[in-house]
Amino acid sequence: MEGAPRLMRPPGLDLPVRQRRRVAFSMTALADVLFLLLIFFMLSSNLSAYSLLPLRSGALRSASGGEASGAGTAVTEASTTAIWTLNPDGIVASGQRFGIDRLQALADALAQRKTQHVLIILRPDVPVQNVATVLELLSAQGISSVQIAEAPSVRRAAP
């Protein structure tokens, strides 16, 4: 190997020789970002578990004794059922409009009248949180027979 030619630089051309740098990868920044994301999602999530609310299908029994449309497994008397219409801004009960803040008073009134069945008619754009709040309040009052119906969509005639 003594006779092997060495690569030599031409005279007068002094180029700097690069030294290999060792790159150290730090996991600290990645861990910080992951913890920030974890905190964000924990704070932005809803704590009310909707899957814990018991739901089942059912139908109202009409005055003639037959079942109304949408028959399911459970049938209740229409005369003993309170009907609430849930709007995005409040509730309509017995033809009167109430705000969501009056929900507790409405549930108390149902409990005093010993109403055991409630039909909730949902209007479009009602937040799911409002539905869950109504269901939880009625359940707390001992009203376990709650039926939910979707209001028919209103189509506006074109001019």
C-alpha atoms as a PDB file:
ATOM      1  CA  MET A   1       0.000   0.000   0.000  1.00  0.00           C
ATOM      2  CA  GLU A   2       2.987   2.234   0.136  1.00  0.00           C
ATOM      3  CA  GLY A   3       2.938   2.745  -3.546  1.00  0.00           C
ATOM      4  CA  ALA A   4      -0.709   3.787  -3.656  1.00  0.00           C
ATOM      5  CA  PRO A   5      -1.127   7.338  -4.843  1.00  0.00           C
ATOM      6  CA  ARG A   6      -2.610   9.705  -2.288  1.00  0.00           C
ATOM      7  CA  LEU A   7      -5.124  12.221  -3.288  1.00  0.00           C
ATOM      8  CA  MET A   8      -3.524  15.547  -2.921  1.00  0.00           C
ATOM      9  CA  ARG A   9      -4.967  18.952  -3.138  1.00  0.00           C
ATOM     10  CA  PRO A  10      -3.628  21.290  -5.702  1.00  0.00           C
ATOM     11  CA  PRO A  11      -1.247  23.819  -4.190  1.00  0.00           C
ATOM     12  CA  GLY A  12      -2.799  27.177  -3.317  1.00  0.00           C
ATOM     13  CA  LEU A  13      -6.302  25.817  -2.874  1.00  0.00           C
ATOM     14  CA  ASP A  14      -6.920  25.556   0.834  1.00  0.00           C
ATOM     15  CA  LEU A  15     -10.499  24.447   1.309  1.00  0.00           C
ATOM     16  CA  PRO A  16     -11.821  24.005   4.810  1.00  0.00           C
ATOM     17  CA  VAL A  17     -12.267  20.446   5.850  1.00  0.00           C
ATOM     18  CA  ARG A  18     -15.772  19.678   7.104  1.00  0.00           C
ATOM     19  CA  GLN A  19     -16.063  17.980  10.377  1.00  0.00           C
ATOM     20  CA  ARG A  20     -19.049  15.723  10.899  1.00  0.00           C
ATOM     21  CA  ARG A  21     -21.425  17.206  13.395  1.00  0.00           C
ATOM     22  CA  ARG A  22     -23.342  15.010  15.692  1.00  0.00           C
ATOM     23  CA  VAL A  23     -26.997  16.099  15.773  1.00  0.00           C
ATOM     24  CA  ALA A  24     -28.764  15.631  19.067  1.00  0.00           C
ATOM     25  CA  PHE A  25     -32.532  15.271  18.755  1.00  0.00           C
ATOM     26  CA  SER A  26     -34.437  16.612  21.729  1.00  0.00           C
ATOM     27  CA  MET A  27     -37.825  15.108  22.619  1.00  0.00           C
ATOM     28  CA  THR A  28     -38.650  17.969  24.979  1.00  0.00           C
ATOM     29  CA  ALA A  29     -40.329  20.142  22.347  1.00  0.00           C
ATOM     30  CA  LEU A  30     -42.403  17.233  21.061  1.00  0.00           C
ATOM     31  CA  ALA A  31     -43.497  16.307  24.580  1.00  0.00           C
ATOM     32  CA  ASP A  32     -44.506  19.917  25.261  1.00  0.00           C
ATOM     33  CA  VAL A  33     -46.671  20.034  22.134  1.00  0.00           C
ATOM     34  CA  LEU A  34     -48.316  16.715  22.996  1.00  0.00           C
ATOM     35  CA  PHE A  35     -49.168  17.894  26.508  1.00  0.00           C
ATOM     36  CA  LEU A  36     -50.589  21.145  25.156  1.00  0.00           C
ATOM     37  CA  LEU A  37     -52.802  19.194  22.742  1.00  0.00           C
ATOM     38  CA  LEU A  38     -53.896  16.872  25.522  1.00  0.00           C
ATOM     39  CA  ILE A  39     -54.872  19.797  27.746  1.00  0.00           C
ATOM     40  CA  PHE A  40     -56.706  21.508  24.870  1.00  0.00           C
ATOM     41  CA  PHE A  41     -58.811  18.453  24.058  1.00  0.00           C
ATOM     42  CA  MET A  42     -59.546  17.767  27.714  1.00  0.00           C
ATOM     43  CA  LEU A  43     -60.812  21.295  28.246  1.00  0.00           C
ATOM     44  CA  SER A  44     -62.772  21.503  25.003  1.00  0.00           C
ATOM     45  CA  SER A  45     -64.547  18.176  25.385  1.00  0.00           C
ATOM     46  CA  ASN A  46     -67.977  17.917  26.935  1.00  0.00           C
ATOM     47  CA  LEU A  47     -68.125  16.157  30.280  1.00  0.00           C
ATOM     48  CA  SER A  48     -71.709  14.943  29.879  1.00  0.00           C
ATOM     49  CA  ALA A  49     -71.662  11.442  28.448  1.00  0.00           C
ATOM     50  CA  TYR A  50     -74.604  11.177  26.064  1.00  0.00           C
ATOM     51  CA  SER A  51     -74.283   7.416  25.848  1.00  0.00           C
ATOM     52  CA  LEU A  52     -75.221   7.119  29.533  1.00  0.00           C
ATOM     53  CA  LEU A  53     -78.738   8.470  28.905  1.00  0.00           C
ATOM     54  CA  PRO A  54     -81.218   5.576  28.569  1.00  0.00           C
ATOM     55  CA  LEU A  55     -83.166   5.774  25.307  1.00  0.00           C
ATOM     56  CA  ARG A  56     -85.780   3.437  23.849  1.00  0.00           C
ATOM     57  CA  SER A  57     -88.368   3.731  21.129  1.00  0.00           C
ATOM     58  CA  GLY A  58     -92.100   4.046  21.764  1.00  0.00           C
ATOM     59  CA  ALA A  59     -95.430   5.380  20.510  1.00  0.00           C
ATOM     60  CA  LEU A  60     -98.410   7.276  21.872  1.00  0.00           C
ATOM     61  CA  ARG A  61    -101.790   5.603  22.101  1.00  0.00           C
ATOM     62  CA  SER A  62    -104.437   7.736  20.420  1.00  0.00           C
ATOM     63  CA  ALA A  63    -107.822   8.517  21.999  1.00  0.00           C
ATOM     64  CA  SER A  64    -109.479   5.814  19.851  1.00  0.00           C
ATOM     65  CA  GLY A  65    -107.204   3.186  21.403  1.00  0.00           C
ATOM     66  CA  GLY A  66    -105.034   2.557  18.354  1.00  0.00           C
ATOM     67  CA  GLU A  67    -101.376   3.335  18.123  1.00  0.00           C
ATOM     68  CA  ALA A  68    -100.185   6.545  16.534  1.00  0.00           C
ATOM     69  CA  SER A  69     -97.716   6.508  13.686  1.00  0.00           C
ATOM     70  CA  GLY A  70     -94.171   5.536  14.577  1.00  0.00           C
ATOM     71  CA  ALA A  71     -95.241   2.647  16.771  1.00  0.00           C
ATOM     72  CA  GLY A  72     -92.515   1.055  18.808  1.00  0.00           C
ATOM     73  CA  THR A  73     -92.225  -1.166  21.814  1.00  0.00           C
ATOM     74  CA  ALA A  74     -93.772   0.993  24.560  1.00  0.00           C
ATOM     75  CA  VAL A  75     -97.220   2.621  24.324  1.00  0.00           C
ATOM     76  CA  THR A  76     -98.438   5.447  26.598  1.00  0.00           C
ATOM     77  CA  GLU A  77    -101.711   7.341  26.944  1.00  0.00           C
ATOM     78  CA  ALA A  78    -101.775  10.636  25.025  1.00  0.00           C
ATOM     79  CA  SER A  79    -103.958  12.317  27.671  1.00  0.00           C
ATOM     80  CA  THR A  80    -101.343  11.785  30.409  1.00  0.00           C
ATOM     81  CA  THR A  81     -98.414  12.982  28.335  1.00  0.00           C
ATOM     82  CA  ALA A  82     -96.900  16.455  28.563  1.00  0.00           C
ATOM     83  CA  ILE A  83     -95.775  17.803  25.191  1.00  0.00           C
ATOM     84  CA  TRP A  84     -92.746  20.101  25.041  1.00  0.00           C
ATOM     85  CA  THR A  85     -91.355  21.703  21.906  1.00  0.00           C
ATOM     86  CA  LEU A  86     -87.629  22.298  22.242  1.00  0.00           C
ATOM     87  CA  ASN A  87     -86.381  25.273  20.212  1.00  0.00           C
ATOM     88  CA  PRO A  88     -82.803  26.543  19.992  1.00  0.00           C
ATOM     89  CA  ASP A  89     -83.729  29.456  22.303  1.00  0.00           C
ATOM     90  CA  GLY A  90     -86.130  27.769  24.727  1.00  0.00           C
ATOM     91  CA  ILE A  91     -89.120  25.504  25.319  1.00  0.00           C
ATOM     92  CA  VAL A  92     -92.792  25.779  24.419  1.00  0.00           C
ATOM     93  CA  ALA A  93     -94.976  23.983  26.979  1.00  0.00           C
ATOM     94  CA  SER A  94     -98.777  24.286  27.110  1.00  0.00           C
ATOM     95  CA  GLY A  95     -98.642  27.017  24.491  1.00  0.00           C
ATOM     96  CA  GLN A  96     -96.296  29.199  26.566  1.00  0.00           C
ATOM     97  CA  ARG A  97     -92.706  30.000  25.670  1.00  0.00           C
ATOM     98  CA  PHE A  98     -90.043  29.534  28.363  1.00  0.00           C
ATOM     99  CA  GLY A  99     -86.294  30.047  28.361  1.00  0.00           C
ATOM    100  CA  ILE A 100     -83.856  27.216  29.034  1.00  0.00           C
ATOM    101  CA  ASP A 101     -83.205  28.797  32.449  1.00  0.00           C
ATOM    102  CA  ARG A 102     -86.828  27.968  33.447  1.00  0.00           C
ATOM    103  CA  LEU A 103     -86.349  24.266  32.774  1.00  0.00           C
ATOM    104  CA  GLN A 104     -86.082  23.322  36.463  1.00  0.00           C
ATOM    105  CA  ALA A 105     -89.417  25.023  37.266  1.00  0.00           C
ATOM    106  CA  LEU A 106     -91.123  23.200  34.386  1.00  0.00           C
ATOM    107  CA  ALA A 107     -89.774  19.843  35.558  1.00  0.00           C
ATOM    108  CA  ASP A 108     -90.912  20.601  39.113  1.00  0.00           C
ATOM    109  CA  ALA A 109     -94.421  21.395  37.830  1.00  0.00           C
ATOM    110  CA  LEU A 110     -94.548  18.064  36.002  1.00  0.00           C
ATOM    111  CA  ALA A 111     -93.481  16.242  39.154  1.00  0.00           C
ATOM    112  CA  GLN A 112     -96.182  18.025  41.214  1.00  0.00           C
ATOM    113  CA  ARG A 113     -98.862  17.010  38.675  1.00  0.00           C
ATOM    114  CA  LYS A 114     -97.423  13.467  38.763  1.00  0.00           C
ATOM    115  CA  THR A 115     -96.949  13.468  34.998  1.00  0.00           C
ATOM    116  CA  GLN A 116     -95.017  10.350  34.040  1.00  0.00           C
ATOM    117  CA  HIS A 117     -94.753  10.768  30.270  1.00  0.00           C
ATOM    118  CA  VAL A 118     -93.186  13.602  28.266  1.00  0.00           C
ATOM    119  CA  LEU A 119     -93.026  13.979  24.497  1.00  0.00           C
ATOM    120  CA  ILE A 120     -90.252  16.312  23.357  1.00  0.00           C
ATOM    121  CA  ILE A 121     -90.556  17.706  19.840  1.00  0.00           C
ATOM    122  CA  LEU A 122     -87.205  18.888  18.538  1.00  0.00           C
ATOM    123  CA  ARG A 123     -87.033  21.846  16.183  1.00  0.00           C
ATOM    124  CA  PRO A 124     -84.124  22.164  13.746  1.00  0.00           C
ATOM    125  CA  ASP A 125     -80.802  23.499  15.076  1.00  0.00           C
ATOM    126  CA  VAL A 126     -81.433  22.524  18.716  1.00  0.00           C
ATOM    127  CA  PRO A 127     -78.044  21.927  20.383  1.00  0.00           C
ATOM    128  CA  VAL A 128     -77.477  18.390  21.623  1.00  0.00           C
ATOM    129  CA  GLN A 129     -76.438  19.819  24.994  1.00  0.00           C
ATOM    130  CA  ASN A 130     -79.961  21.254  25.454  1.00  0.00           C
ATOM    131  CA  VAL A 131     -81.502  17.848  24.722  1.00  0.00           C
ATOM    132  CA  ALA A 132     -79.159  16.178  27.207  1.00  0.00           C
ATOM    133  CA  THR A 133     -79.967  18.817  29.836  1.00  0.00           C
ATOM    134  CA  VAL A 134     -83.725  18.253  29.411  1.00  0.00           C
ATOM    135  CA  LEU A 135     -83.322  14.464  29.618  1.00  0.00           C
ATOM    136  CA  GLU A 136     -81.155  14.685  32.747  1.00  0.00           C
ATOM    137  CA  LEU A 137     -83.587  17.051  34.484  1.00  0.00           C
ATOM    138  CA  LEU A 138     -86.607  14.891  33.700  1.00  0.00           C
ATOM    139  CA  SER A 139     -84.760  11.810  34.884  1.00  0.00           C
ATOM    140  CA  ALA A 140     -83.837  13.582  38.139  1.00  0.00           C
ATOM    141  CA  GLN A 141     -87.567  14.323  38.679  1.00  0.00           C
ATOM    142  CA  GLY A 142     -88.410  10.633  38.298  1.00  0.00           C
ATOM    143  CA  ILE A 143     -89.926  10.964  34.834  1.00  0.00           C
ATOM    144  CA  SER A 144     -88.443   8.036  32.985  1.00  0.00           C
ATOM    145  CA  SER A 145     -90.857   7.828  30.050  1.00  0.00           C
ATOM    146  CA  VAL A 146     -89.566  10.482  27.659  1.00  0.00           C
ATOM    147  CA  GLN A 147     -90.161  10.274  23.937  1.00  0.00           C
ATOM    148  CA  ILE A 148     -88.404  12.405  21.354  1.00  0.00           C
ATOM    149  CA  ALA A 149     -89.843  13.354  17.973  1.00  0.00           C
ATOM    150  CA  GLU A 150     -88.383  15.485  15.231  1.00  0.00           C
ATOM    151  CA  ALA A 151     -90.516  18.395  14.075  1.00  0.00           C
ATOM    152  CA  PRO A 152     -91.337  18.314  10.371  1.00  0.00           C
ATOM    153  CA  SER A 153     -89.186  20.694   8.383  1.00  0.00           C
ATOM    154  CA  VAL A 154     -91.035  23.732   7.105  1.00  0.00           C
ATOM    155  CA  ARG A 155     -90.464  24.454   3.429  1.00  0.00           C
ATOM    156  CA  ARG A 156     -90.908  28.013   2.307  1.00  0.00           C
ATOM    157  CA  ALA A 157     -92.666  28.606  -0.958  1.00  0.00           C
ATOM    158  CA  ALA A 158     -90.576  30.239  -3.649  1.00  0.00           C
ATOM    159  CA  PRO A 159     -91.842  33.703  -4.642  1.00  0.00           C
END
